[in-house]
PDB file of N, CA and C in Angstrom:
ATOM      1  N   UNK A   1       4.768 -20.331  13.296  1.00  0.00           N
ATOM      2  CA  UNK A   1       5.548 -19.143  13.019  1.00  0.00           C
ATOM      3  C   UNK A   1       6.503 -19.380  11.844  1.00  0.00           C
ATOM      4  N   UNK A   2       7.197 -20.488  11.873  1.00  0.00           N
ATOM      5  CA  UNK A   2       8.159 -20.774  10.813  1.00  0.00           C
ATOM      6  C   UNK A   2       7.439 -20.965   9.480  1.00  0.00           C
ATOM      7  N   UNK A   3       6.324 -21.689   9.505  1.00  0.00           N
ATOM      8  CA  UNK A   3       5.579 -21.925   8.278  1.00  0.00           C
ATOM      9  C   UNK A   3       5.096 -20.605   7.672  1.00  0.00           C
ATOM     10  N   UNK A   4       4.660 -19.685   8.513  1.00  0.00           N
ATOM     11  CA  UNK A   4       4.197 -18.388   8.024  1.00  0.00           C
ATOM     12  C   UNK A   4       5.336 -17.590   7.408  1.00  0.00           C
ATOM     13  N   UNK A   5       6.498 -17.630   8.019  1.00  0.00           N
ATOM     14  CA  UNK A   5       7.657 -16.911   7.484  1.00  0.00           C
ATOM     15  C   UNK A   5       8.038 -17.454   6.118  1.00  0.00           C
ATOM     16  N   UNK A   6       8.082 -18.761   5.990  1.00  0.00           N
ATOM     17  CA  UNK A   6       8.426 -19.349   4.702  1.00  0.00           C
ATOM     18  C   UNK A   6       7.389 -18.979   3.649  1.00  0.00           C
ATOM     19  N   UNK A   7       6.142 -18.959   4.037  1.00  0.00           N
ATOM     20  CA  UNK A   7       5.087 -18.600   3.098  1.00  0.00           C
ATOM     21  C   UNK A   7       5.251 -17.156   2.618  1.00  0.00           C
ATOM     22  N   UNK A   8       5.554 -16.240   3.521  1.00  0.00           N
ATOM     23  CA  UNK A   8       5.733 -14.847   3.135  1.00  0.00           C
ATOM     24  C   UNK A   8       6.928 -14.687   2.198  1.00  0.00           C
ATOM     25  N   UNK A   9       8.011 -15.398   2.471  1.00  0.00           N
ATOM     26  CA  UNK A   9       9.198 -15.318   1.625  1.00  0.00           C
ATOM     27  C   UNK A   9       8.898 -15.867   0.225  1.00  0.00           C
ATOM     28  N   UNK A  10       8.204 -16.973   0.171  1.00  0.00           N
ATOM     29  CA  UNK A  10       7.844 -17.559  -1.119  1.00  0.00           C
ATOM     30  C   UNK A  10       6.892 -16.632  -1.871  1.00  0.00           C
ATOM     31  N   UNK A  11       5.940 -16.054  -1.170  1.00  0.00           N
ATOM     32  CA  UNK A  11       4.989 -15.138  -1.799  1.00  0.00           C
ATOM     33  C   UNK A  11       5.698 -13.897  -2.332  1.00  0.00           C
ATOM     34  N   UNK A  12       6.648 -13.349  -1.586  1.00  0.00           N
ATOM     35  CA  UNK A  12       7.395 -12.170  -2.027  1.00  0.00           C
ATOM     36  C   UNK A  12       8.238 -12.497  -3.255  1.00  0.00           C
ATOM     37  N   UNK A  13       8.845 -13.692  -3.285  1.00  0.00           N
ATOM     38  CA  UNK A  13       9.631 -14.113  -4.442  1.00  0.00           C
ATOM     39  C   UNK A  13       8.756 -14.248  -5.680  1.00  0.00           C
ATOM     40  N   UNK A  14       7.616 -14.896  -5.537  1.00  0.00           N
ATOM     41  CA  UNK A  14       6.714 -15.087  -6.677  1.00  0.00           C
ATOM     42  C   UNK A  14       6.207 -13.756  -7.203  1.00  0.00           C
ATOM     43  N   UNK A  15       5.884 -12.841  -6.306  1.00  0.00           N
ATOM     44  CA  UNK A  15       5.399 -11.521  -6.709  1.00  0.00           C
ATOM     45  C   UNK A  15       6.470 -10.773  -7.496  1.00  0.00           C
ATOM     46  N   UNK A  16       7.723 -10.849  -7.045  1.00  0.00           N
ATOM     47  CA  UNK A  16       8.826 -10.183  -7.736  1.00  0.00           C
ATOM     48  C   UNK A  16       9.036 -10.779  -9.119  1.00  0.00           C
ATOM     49  N   UNK A  17       9.058 -12.107  -9.224  1.00  0.00           N
ATOM     50  CA  UNK A  17       9.266 -12.769 -10.514  1.00  0.00           C
ATOM     51  C   UNK A  17       8.142 -12.442 -11.490  1.00  0.00           C
ATOM     52  N   UNK A  18       6.897 -12.392 -11.001  1.00  0.00           N
ATOM     53  CA  UNK A  18       5.757 -12.083 -11.858  1.00  0.00           C
ATOM     54  C   UNK A  18       5.877 -10.680 -12.434  1.00  0.00           C
ATOM     55  N   UNK A  19       6.266  -9.720 -11.598  1.00  0.00           N
ATOM     56  CA  UNK A  19       6.402  -8.344 -12.067  1.00  0.00           C
ATOM     57  C   UNK A  19       7.533  -8.199 -13.078  1.00  0.00           C
ATOM     58  N   UNK A  20       8.574  -9.001 -12.935  1.00  0.00           N
ATOM     59  CA  UNK A  20       9.694  -8.939 -13.877  1.00  0.00           C
ATOM     60  C   UNK A  20       9.264  -9.450 -15.247  1.00  0.00           C
ATOM     61  N   UNK A  21       8.591 -10.581 -15.265  1.00  0.00           N
ATOM     62  CA  UNK A  21       8.247 -11.213 -16.534  1.00  0.00           C
ATOM     63  C   UNK A  21       7.000 -10.636 -17.184  1.00  0.00           C
ATOM     64  N   UNK A  22       6.175  -9.939 -16.424  1.00  0.00           N
ATOM     65  CA  UNK A  22       4.928  -9.396 -16.950  1.00  0.00           C
ATOM     66  C   UNK A  22       5.204  -8.183 -17.837  1.00  0.00           C
ATOM     67  N   UNK A  23       5.044  -8.334 -19.118  1.00  0.00           N
ATOM     68  CA  UNK A  23       5.133  -7.217 -20.036  1.00  0.00           C
ATOM     69  C   UNK A  23       6.500  -6.591 -20.199  1.00  0.00           C
ATOM     70  N   UNK A  24       7.532  -7.237 -19.726  1.00  0.00           N
ATOM     71  CA  UNK A  24       8.873  -6.672 -19.838  1.00  0.00           C
ATOM     72  C   UNK A  24       9.485  -7.060 -21.174  1.00  0.00           C
ATOM     73  N   UNK A  25      10.004  -6.078 -21.875  1.00  0.00           N
ATOM     74  CA  UNK A  25      10.654  -6.338 -23.149  1.00  0.00           C
ATOM     75  C   UNK A  25      12.175  -6.308 -23.016  1.00  0.00           C
ATOM     76  N   UNK A  26      12.644  -6.162 -21.799  1.00  0.00           N
ATOM     77  CA  UNK A  26      14.078  -6.132 -21.535  1.00  0.00           C
ATOM     78  C   UNK A  26      14.618  -7.552 -21.616  1.00  0.00           C
ATOM     79  N   UNK A  27      15.798  -7.717 -22.200  1.00  0.00           N
ATOM     80  CA  UNK A  27      16.370  -9.037 -22.420  1.00  0.00           C
ATOM     81  C   UNK A  27      17.270  -9.516 -21.290  1.00  0.00           C
ATOM     82  N   UNK A  28      17.619  -8.649 -20.344  1.00  0.00           N
ATOM     83  CA  UNK A  28      18.556  -9.009 -19.291  1.00  0.00           C
ATOM     84  C   UNK A  28      17.981  -8.675 -17.927  1.00  0.00           C
ATOM     85  N   UNK A  29      18.373  -9.468 -16.918  1.00  0.00           N
ATOM     86  CA  UNK A  29      17.961  -9.140 -15.557  1.00  0.00           C
ATOM     87  C   UNK A  29      19.176  -9.137 -14.634  1.00  0.00           C
ATOM     88  N   UNK A  30      19.146  -8.225 -13.691  1.00  0.00           N
ATOM     89  CA  UNK A  30      20.185  -8.089 -12.676  1.00  0.00           C
ATOM     90  C   UNK A  30      19.678  -8.779 -11.421  1.00  0.00           C
ATOM     91  N   UNK A  31      20.321  -9.885 -11.047  1.00  0.00           N
ATOM     92  CA  UNK A  31      19.899 -10.689  -9.912  1.00  0.00           C
ATOM     93  C   UNK A  31      20.806 -10.391  -8.732  1.00  0.00           C
ATOM     94  N   UNK A  32      20.213 -10.076  -7.576  1.00  0.00           N
ATOM     95  CA  UNK A  32      20.967  -9.783  -6.361  1.00  0.00           C
ATOM     96  C   UNK A  32      20.795 -10.924  -5.365  1.00  0.00           C
ATOM     97  N   UNK A  33      21.891 -11.343  -4.762  1.00  0.00           N
ATOM     98  CA  UNK A  33      21.887 -12.358  -3.714  1.00  0.00           C
ATOM     99  C   UNK A  33      22.742 -11.853  -2.567  1.00  0.00           C
ATOM    100  N   UNK A  34      22.358 -12.199  -1.345  1.00  0.00           N
ATOM    101  CA  UNK A  34      23.153 -11.751  -0.206  1.00  0.00           C
ATOM    102  C   UNK A  34      23.220 -12.833   0.852  1.00  0.00           C
ATOM    103  N   UNK A  35      24.298 -12.784   1.622  1.00  0.00           N
ATOM    104  CA  UNK A  35      24.452 -13.624   2.796  1.00  0.00           C
ATOM    105  C   UNK A  35      24.790 -12.699   3.949  1.00  0.00           C
ATOM    106  N   UNK A  36      25.113 -13.257   5.086  1.00  0.00           N
ATOM    107  CA  UNK A  36      25.487 -12.409   6.211  1.00  0.00           C
ATOM    108  C   UNK A  36      26.810 -11.695   5.976  1.00  0.00           C
ATOM    109  N   UNK A  37      27.680 -12.290   5.177  1.00  0.00           N
ATOM    110  CA  UNK A  37      29.016 -11.741   4.971  1.00  0.00           C
ATOM    111  C   UNK A  37      29.183 -11.050   3.622  1.00  0.00           C
ATOM    112  N   UNK A  38      28.625 -11.605   2.571  1.00  0.00           N
ATOM    113  CA  UNK A  38      28.848 -11.101   1.219  1.00  0.00           C
ATOM    114  C   UNK A  38      27.544 -10.714   0.546  1.00  0.00           C
ATOM    115  N   UNK A  39      27.683  -9.960  -0.540  1.00  0.00           N
ATOM    116  CA  UNK A  39      26.567  -9.674  -1.435  1.00  0.00           C
ATOM    117  C   UNK A  39      27.084  -9.884  -2.852  1.00  0.00           C
ATOM    118  N   UNK A  40      26.269 -10.504  -3.692  1.00  0.00           N
ATOM    119  CA  UNK A  40      26.696 -10.763  -5.057  1.00  0.00           C
ATOM    120  C   UNK A  40      25.589 -10.386  -6.020  1.00  0.00           C
ATOM    121  N   UNK A  41      25.988 -10.144  -7.252  1.00  0.00           N
ATOM    122  CA  UNK A  41      25.038  -9.785  -8.299  1.00  0.00           C
ATOM    123  C   UNK A  41      25.517 -10.372  -9.608  1.00  0.00           C
ATOM    124  N   UNK A  42      24.565 -10.688 -10.472  1.00  0.00           N
ATOM    125  CA  UNK A  42      24.911 -11.166 -11.801  1.00  0.00           C
ATOM    126  C   UNK A  42      23.871 -10.712 -12.805  1.00  0.00           C
ATOM    127  N   UNK A  43      24.306 -10.524 -14.029  1.00  0.00           N
ATOM    128  CA  UNK A  43      23.416 -10.147 -15.119  1.00  0.00           C
ATOM    129  C   UNK A  43      23.184 -11.396 -15.954  1.00  0.00           C
ATOM    130  N   UNK A  44      21.909 -11.743 -16.142  1.00  0.00           N
ATOM    131  CA  UNK A  44      21.535 -12.975 -16.833  1.00  0.00           C
ATOM    132  C   UNK A  44      20.715 -12.643 -18.068  1.00  0.00           C
ATOM    133  N   UNK A  45      21.010 -13.319 -19.164  1.00  0.00           N
ATOM    134  CA  UNK A  45      20.229 -13.203 -20.388  1.00  0.00           C
ATOM    135  C   UNK A  45      18.939 -13.997 -20.196  1.00  0.00           C
ATOM    136  N   UNK A  46      17.774 -13.364 -20.359  1.00  0.00           N
ATOM    137  CA  UNK A  46      16.502 -14.023 -20.101  1.00  0.00           C
ATOM    138  C   UNK A  46      16.153 -15.084 -21.132  1.00  0.00           C
ATOM    139  N   UNK A  47      16.638 -14.957 -22.349  1.00  0.00           N
ATOM    140  CA  UNK A  47      16.300 -15.933 -23.384  1.00  0.00           C
ATOM    141  C   UNK A  47      17.153 -17.188 -23.281  1.00  0.00           C
ATOM    142  N   UNK A  48      18.470 -17.022 -23.138  1.00  0.00           N
ATOM    143  CA  UNK A  48      19.349 -18.187 -23.100  1.00  0.00           C
ATOM    144  C   UNK A  48      19.654 -18.662 -21.688  1.00  0.00           C
ATOM    145  N   UNK A  49      19.507 -17.802 -20.700  1.00  0.00           N
ATOM    146  CA  UNK A  49      19.818 -18.170 -19.325  1.00  0.00           C
ATOM    147  C   UNK A  49      21.296 -18.092 -18.990  1.00  0.00           C
ATOM    148  N   UNK A  50      22.087 -17.563 -19.904  1.00  0.00           N
ATOM    149  CA  UNK A  50      23.531 -17.478 -19.694  1.00  0.00           C
ATOM    150  C   UNK A  50      23.880 -16.268 -18.833  1.00  0.00           C
ATOM    151  N   UNK A  51      24.878 -16.425 -17.983  1.00  0.00           N
ATOM    152  CA  UNK A  51      25.357 -15.330 -17.150  1.00  0.00           C
ATOM    153  C   UNK A  51      26.304 -14.464 -17.967  1.00  0.00           C
ATOM    154  N   UNK A  52      26.053 -13.165 -17.990  1.00  0.00           N
ATOM    155  CA  UNK A  52      26.873 -12.231 -18.747  1.00  0.00           C
ATOM    156  C   UNK A  52      27.985 -11.671 -17.868  1.00  0.00           C
ATOM    157  N   UNK A  53      27.653 -11.301 -16.638  1.00  0.00           N
ATOM    158  CA  UNK A  53      28.645 -10.723 -15.728  1.00  0.00           C
ATOM    159  C   UNK A  53      28.246 -11.037 -14.296  1.00  0.00           C
ATOM    160  N   UNK A  54      29.236 -11.186 -13.424  1.00  0.00           N
ATOM    161  CA  UNK A  54      28.963 -11.459 -12.021  1.00  0.00           C
ATOM    162  C   UNK A  54      30.015 -10.840 -11.123  1.00  0.00           C
ATOM    163  N   UNK A  55      29.608 -10.441  -9.915  1.00  0.00           N
ATOM    164  CA  UNK A  55      30.509  -9.795  -8.958  1.00  0.00           C
ATOM    165  C   UNK A  55      30.130 -10.252  -7.555  1.00  0.00           C
ATOM    166  N   UNK A  56      31.146 -10.459  -6.696  1.00  0.00           N
ATOM    167  CA  UNK A  56      30.922 -10.792  -5.298  1.00  0.00           C
ATOM    168  C   UNK A  56      31.866  -9.959  -4.446  1.00  0.00           C
ATOM    169  N   UNK A  57      31.342  -9.278  -3.436  1.00  0.00           N
ATOM    170  CA  UNK A  57      32.176  -8.453  -2.562  1.00  0.00           C
ATOM    171  C   UNK A  57      31.498  -8.284  -1.210  1.00  0.00           C
ATOM    172  N   UNK A  58      32.154  -7.558  -0.314  1.00  0.00           N
ATOM    173  CA  UNK A  58      31.593  -7.324   1.012  1.00  0.00           C
ATOM    174  C   UNK A  58      30.729  -6.083   1.060  1.00  0.00           C
ATOM    175  N   UNK A  59      30.983  -5.098   0.205  1.00  0.00           N
ATOM    176  CA  UNK A  59      30.213  -3.860   0.220  1.00  0.00           C
ATOM    177  C   UNK A  59      29.269  -3.811  -0.977  1.00  0.00           C
ATOM    178  N   UNK A  60      28.028  -3.458  -0.716  1.00  0.00           N
ATOM    179  CA  UNK A  60      26.999  -3.443  -1.752  1.00  0.00           C
ATOM    180  C   UNK A  60      27.254  -2.369  -2.793  1.00  0.00           C
ATOM    181  N   UNK A  61      27.766  -1.226  -2.374  1.00  0.00           N
ATOM    182  CA  UNK A  61      28.003  -0.153  -3.338  1.00  0.00           C
ATOM    183  C   UNK A  61      29.105  -0.534  -4.324  1.00  0.00           C
ATOM    184  N   UNK A  62      30.114  -1.276  -3.860  1.00  0.00           N
ATOM    185  CA  UNK A  62      31.163  -1.755  -4.761  1.00  0.00           C
ATOM    186  C   UNK A  62      30.589  -2.720  -5.790  1.00  0.00           C
ATOM    187  N   UNK A  63      29.711  -3.600  -5.347  1.00  0.00           N
ATOM    188  CA  UNK A  63      29.102  -4.580  -6.249  1.00  0.00           C
ATOM    189  C   UNK A  63      28.268  -3.883  -7.314  1.00  0.00           C
ATOM    190  N   UNK A  64      27.504  -2.878  -6.906  1.00  0.00           N
ATOM    191  CA  UNK A  64      26.655  -2.160  -7.852  1.00  0.00           C
ATOM    192  C   UNK A  64      27.438  -1.458  -8.937  1.00  0.00           C
ATOM    193  N   UNK A  65      28.491  -0.750  -8.560  1.00  0.00           N
ATOM    194  CA  UNK A  65      29.284  -0.048  -9.571  1.00  0.00           C
ATOM    195  C   UNK A  65      30.055  -1.017 -10.449  1.00  0.00           C
ATOM    196  N   UNK A  66      30.561  -2.087  -9.862  1.00  0.00           N
ATOM    197  CA  UNK A  66      31.342  -3.062 -10.638  1.00  0.00           C
ATOM    198  C   UNK A  66      30.458  -3.825 -11.628  1.00  0.00           C
ATOM    199  N   UNK A  67      29.269  -4.214 -11.206  1.00  0.00           N
ATOM    200  CA  UNK A  67      28.378  -4.943 -12.115  1.00  0.00           C
ATOM    201  C   UNK A  67      27.895  -4.027 -13.236  1.00  0.00           C
ATOM    202  N   UNK A  68      27.699  -2.755 -12.937  1.00  0.00           N
ATOM    203  CA  UNK A  68      27.288  -1.812 -13.978  1.00  0.00           C
ATOM    204  C   UNK A  68      28.407  -1.616 -14.995  1.00  0.00           C
ATOM    205  N   UNK A  69      29.645  -1.517 -14.536  1.00  0.00           N
ATOM    206  CA  UNK A  69      30.779  -1.381 -15.459  1.00  0.00           C
ATOM    207  C   UNK A  69      30.896  -2.594 -16.370  1.00  0.00           C
ATOM    208  N   UNK A  70      30.759  -3.797 -15.793  1.00  0.00           N
ATOM    209  CA  UNK A  70      30.859  -5.014 -16.600  1.00  0.00           C
ATOM    210  C   UNK A  70      29.710  -5.126 -17.595  1.00  0.00           C
ATOM    211  N   UNK A  71      28.514  -4.735 -17.176  1.00  0.00           N
ATOM    212  CA  UNK A  71      27.354  -4.813 -18.070  1.00  0.00           C
ATOM    213  C   UNK A  71      27.479  -3.819 -19.216  1.00  0.00           C
ATOM    214  N   UNK A  72      27.927  -2.613 -18.919  1.00  0.00           N
ATOM    215  CA  UNK A  72      28.103  -1.608 -19.966  1.00  0.00           C
ATOM    216  C   UNK A  72      29.214  -2.024 -20.929  1.00  0.00           C
ATOM    217  N   UNK A  73      30.242  -2.665 -20.402  1.00  0.00           N
ATOM    218  CA  UNK A  73      31.323  -3.170 -21.253  1.00  0.00           C
ATOM    219  C   UNK A  73      30.800  -4.260 -22.196  1.00  0.00           C
ATOM    220  N   UNK A  74      29.812  -5.024 -21.727  1.00  0.00           N
ATOM    221  CA  UNK A  74      29.193  -6.066 -22.553  1.00  0.00           C
ATOM    222  C   UNK A  74      28.039  -5.517 -23.391  1.00  0.00           C
ATOM    223  N   UNK A  75      27.930  -4.185 -23.479  1.00  0.00           N
ATOM    224  CA  UNK A  75      26.927  -3.477 -24.275  1.00  0.00           C
ATOM    225  C   UNK A  75      25.494  -3.720 -23.773  1.00  0.00           C
ATOM    226  N   UNK A  76      25.348  -3.812 -22.455  1.00  0.00           N
ATOM    227  CA  UNK A  76      24.035  -3.943 -21.831  1.00  0.00           C
ATOM    228  C   UNK A  76      23.791  -2.669 -21.043  1.00  0.00           C
ATOM    229  N   UNK A  77      22.762  -1.927 -21.419  1.00  0.00           N
ATOM    230  CA  UNK A  77      22.458  -0.669 -20.735  1.00  0.00           C
ATOM    231  C   UNK A  77      21.153  -0.726 -19.964  1.00  0.00           C
ATOM    232  N   UNK A  78      20.258  -1.645 -20.336  1.00  0.00           N
ATOM    233  CA  UNK A  78      18.952  -1.715 -19.702  1.00  0.00           C
ATOM    234  C   UNK A  78      18.709  -3.121 -19.159  1.00  0.00           C
ATOM    235  N   UNK A  79      18.387  -3.213 -17.876  1.00  0.00           N
ATOM    236  CA  UNK A  79      18.138  -4.487 -17.219  1.00  0.00           C
ATOM    237  C   UNK A  79      16.873  -4.384 -16.363  1.00  0.00           C
ATOM    238  N   UNK A  80      16.401  -5.530 -15.912  1.00  0.00           N
ATOM    239  CA  UNK A  80      15.319  -5.606 -14.937  1.00  0.00           C
ATOM    240  C   UNK A  80      15.953  -6.056 -13.629  1.00  0.00           C
ATOM    241  N   UNK A  81      15.622  -5.409 -12.524  1.00  0.00           N
ATOM    242  CA  UNK A  81      16.226  -5.731 -11.229  1.00  0.00           C
ATOM    243  C   UNK A  81      15.418  -6.810 -10.531  1.00  0.00           C
ATOM    244  N   UNK A  82      16.048  -7.963 -10.294  1.00  0.00           N
ATOM    245  CA  UNK A  82      15.419  -9.082  -9.601  1.00  0.00           C
ATOM    246  C   UNK A  82      16.012  -9.170  -8.205  1.00  0.00           C
ATOM    247  N   UNK A  83      15.245  -8.732  -7.212  1.00  0.00           N
ATOM    248  CA  UNK A  83      15.736  -8.749  -5.840  1.00  0.00           C
ATOM    249  C   UNK A  83      15.364 -10.035  -5.125  1.00  0.00           C
ATOM    250  N   UNK A  84      14.627 -10.913  -5.783  1.00  0.00           N
ATOM    251  CA  UNK A  84      14.242 -12.186  -5.193  1.00  0.00           C
ATOM    252  C   UNK A  84      13.310 -11.994  -4.020  1.00  0.00           C
ATOM    253  N   UNK A  85      13.605 -12.645  -2.907  1.00  0.00           N
ATOM    254  CA  UNK A  85      12.761 -12.551  -1.716  1.00  0.00           C
ATOM    255  C   UNK A  85      13.191 -11.426  -0.787  1.00  0.00           C
ATOM    256  N   UNK A  86      14.235 -10.695  -1.171  1.00  0.00           N
ATOM    257  CA  UNK A  86      14.754  -9.638  -0.306  1.00  0.00           C
ATOM    258  C   UNK A  86      13.944  -8.357  -0.467  1.00  0.00           C
ATOM    259  N   UNK A  87      13.740  -7.655   0.629  1.00  0.00           N
ATOM    260  CA  UNK A  87      13.059  -6.372   0.576  1.00  0.00           C
ATOM    261  C   UNK A  87      13.987  -5.333  -0.036  1.00  0.00           C
ATOM    262  N   UNK A  88      13.419  -4.331  -0.668  1.00  0.00           N
ATOM    263  CA  UNK A  88      14.210  -3.248  -1.252  1.00  0.00           C
ATOM    264  C   UNK A  88      14.610  -2.312  -0.116  1.00  0.00           C
ATOM    265  N   UNK A  89      15.646  -2.730   0.616  1.00  0.00           N
ATOM    266  CA  UNK A  89      16.058  -2.028   1.823  1.00  0.00           C
ATOM    267  C   UNK A  89      17.500  -2.415   2.133  1.00  0.00           C
ATOM    268  N   UNK A  90      18.250  -1.520   2.702  1.00  0.00           N
ATOM    269  CA  UNK A  90      19.600  -1.834   3.162  1.00  0.00           C
ATOM    270  C   UNK A  90      20.576  -2.083   2.031  1.00  0.00           C
ATOM    271  N   UNK A  91      21.227  -3.257   2.090  1.00  0.00           N
ATOM    272  CA  UNK A  91      22.273  -3.564   1.105  1.00  0.00           C
ATOM    273  C   UNK A  91      21.726  -3.748  -0.301  1.00  0.00           C
ATOM    274  N   UNK A  92      20.521  -4.290  -0.418  1.00  0.00           N
ATOM    275  CA  UNK A  92      19.914  -4.455  -1.741  1.00  0.00           C
ATOM    276  C   UNK A  92      19.635  -3.089  -2.361  1.00  0.00           C
ATOM    277  N   UNK A  93      19.157  -2.162  -1.567  1.00  0.00           N
ATOM    278  CA  UNK A  93      18.892  -0.808  -2.049  1.00  0.00           C
ATOM    279  C   UNK A  93      20.191  -0.111  -2.434  1.00  0.00           C
ATOM    280  N   UNK A  94      21.258  -0.280  -1.646  1.00  0.00           N
ATOM    281  CA  UNK A  94      22.565   0.305  -1.971  1.00  0.00           C
ATOM    282  C   UNK A  94      23.076  -0.225  -3.298  1.00  0.00           C
ATOM    283  N   UNK A  95      22.950  -1.531  -3.503  1.00  0.00           N
ATOM    284  CA  UNK A  95      23.401  -2.144  -4.753  1.00  0.00           C
ATOM    285  C   UNK A  95      22.657  -1.543  -5.936  1.00  0.00           C
ATOM    286  N   UNK A  96      21.336  -1.432  -5.844  1.00  0.00           N
ATOM    287  CA  UNK A  96      20.528  -0.895  -6.939  1.00  0.00           C
ATOM    288  C   UNK A  96      20.861   0.565  -7.225  1.00  0.00           C
ATOM    289  N   UNK A  97      20.984   1.372  -6.190  1.00  0.00           N
ATOM    290  CA  UNK A  97      21.267   2.795  -6.388  1.00  0.00           C
ATOM    291  C   UNK A  97      22.654   3.031  -6.971  1.00  0.00           C
ATOM    292  N   UNK A  98      23.645   2.261  -6.530  1.00  0.00           N
ATOM    293  CA  UNK A  98      24.995   2.437  -7.078  1.00  0.00           C
ATOM    294  C   UNK A  98      25.072   1.945  -8.520  1.00  0.00           C
ATOM    295  N   UNK A  99      24.307   0.925  -8.874  1.00  0.00           N
ATOM    296  CA  UNK A  99      24.269   0.470 -10.268  1.00  0.00           C
ATOM    297  C   UNK A  99      23.609   1.520 -11.160  1.00  0.00           C
ATOM    298  N   UNK A 100      22.570   2.177 -10.651  1.00  0.00           N
ATOM    299  CA  UNK A 100      21.914   3.253 -11.412  1.00  0.00           C
ATOM    300  C   UNK A 100      22.865   4.417 -11.612  1.00  0.00           C
ATOM    301  N   UNK A 101      23.587   4.801 -10.559  1.00  0.00           N
ATOM    302  CA  UNK A 101      24.533   5.916 -10.668  1.00  0.00           C
ATOM    303  C   UNK A 101      25.655   5.601 -11.640  1.00  0.00           C
ATOM    304  N   UNK A 102      26.022   4.329 -11.757  1.00  0.00           N
ATOM    305  CA  UNK A 102      27.101   3.941 -12.662  1.00  0.00           C
ATOM    306  C   UNK A 102      26.646   3.829 -14.114  1.00  0.00           C
ATOM    307  N   UNK A 103      25.321   3.903 -14.365  1.00  0.00           N
ATOM    308  CA  UNK A 103      24.882   3.947 -15.753  1.00  0.00           C
ATOM    309  C   UNK A 103      23.871   2.918 -16.187  1.00  0.00           C
ATOM    310  N   UNK A 104      23.506   1.958 -15.337  1.00  0.00           N
ATOM    311  CA  UNK A 104      22.474   0.980 -15.718  1.00  0.00           C
ATOM    312  C   UNK A 104      21.088   1.599 -15.561  1.00  0.00           C
ATOM    313  N   UNK A 105      20.178   1.224 -16.462  1.00  0.00           N
ATOM    314  CA  UNK A 105      18.808   1.715 -16.401  1.00  0.00           C
ATOM    315  C   UNK A 105      17.886   0.557 -16.064  1.00  0.00           C
ATOM    316  N   UNK A 106      17.093   0.711 -15.002  1.00  0.00           N
ATOM    317  CA  UNK A 106      16.053  -0.248 -14.657  1.00  0.00           C
ATOM    318  C   UNK A 106      14.998   0.399 -13.807  1.00  0.00           C
TER     319      UNK A 106
END
């Protein structure tokens, strides 16, 4: 059971990374990470690997709007959303939708 779960998580991560890098001309990606208590996001430059902006908070909607404000301030309007092994559901979905409402395009 445990081996199967790890395999599914690894497979979901690889599938997400492949879709991000396949044919994408966007230079930045929005990476979402979550724990039981917090959710964090950061915008990373795909060429240099440098972090442009990062936010950590308890509410996903706060993180989404704050990361969008920081990215727009850094003149980044278009990103690719990297959800990693997480399903597009719950807090990850809230983060993405609030970032879109705040002005990021992905």
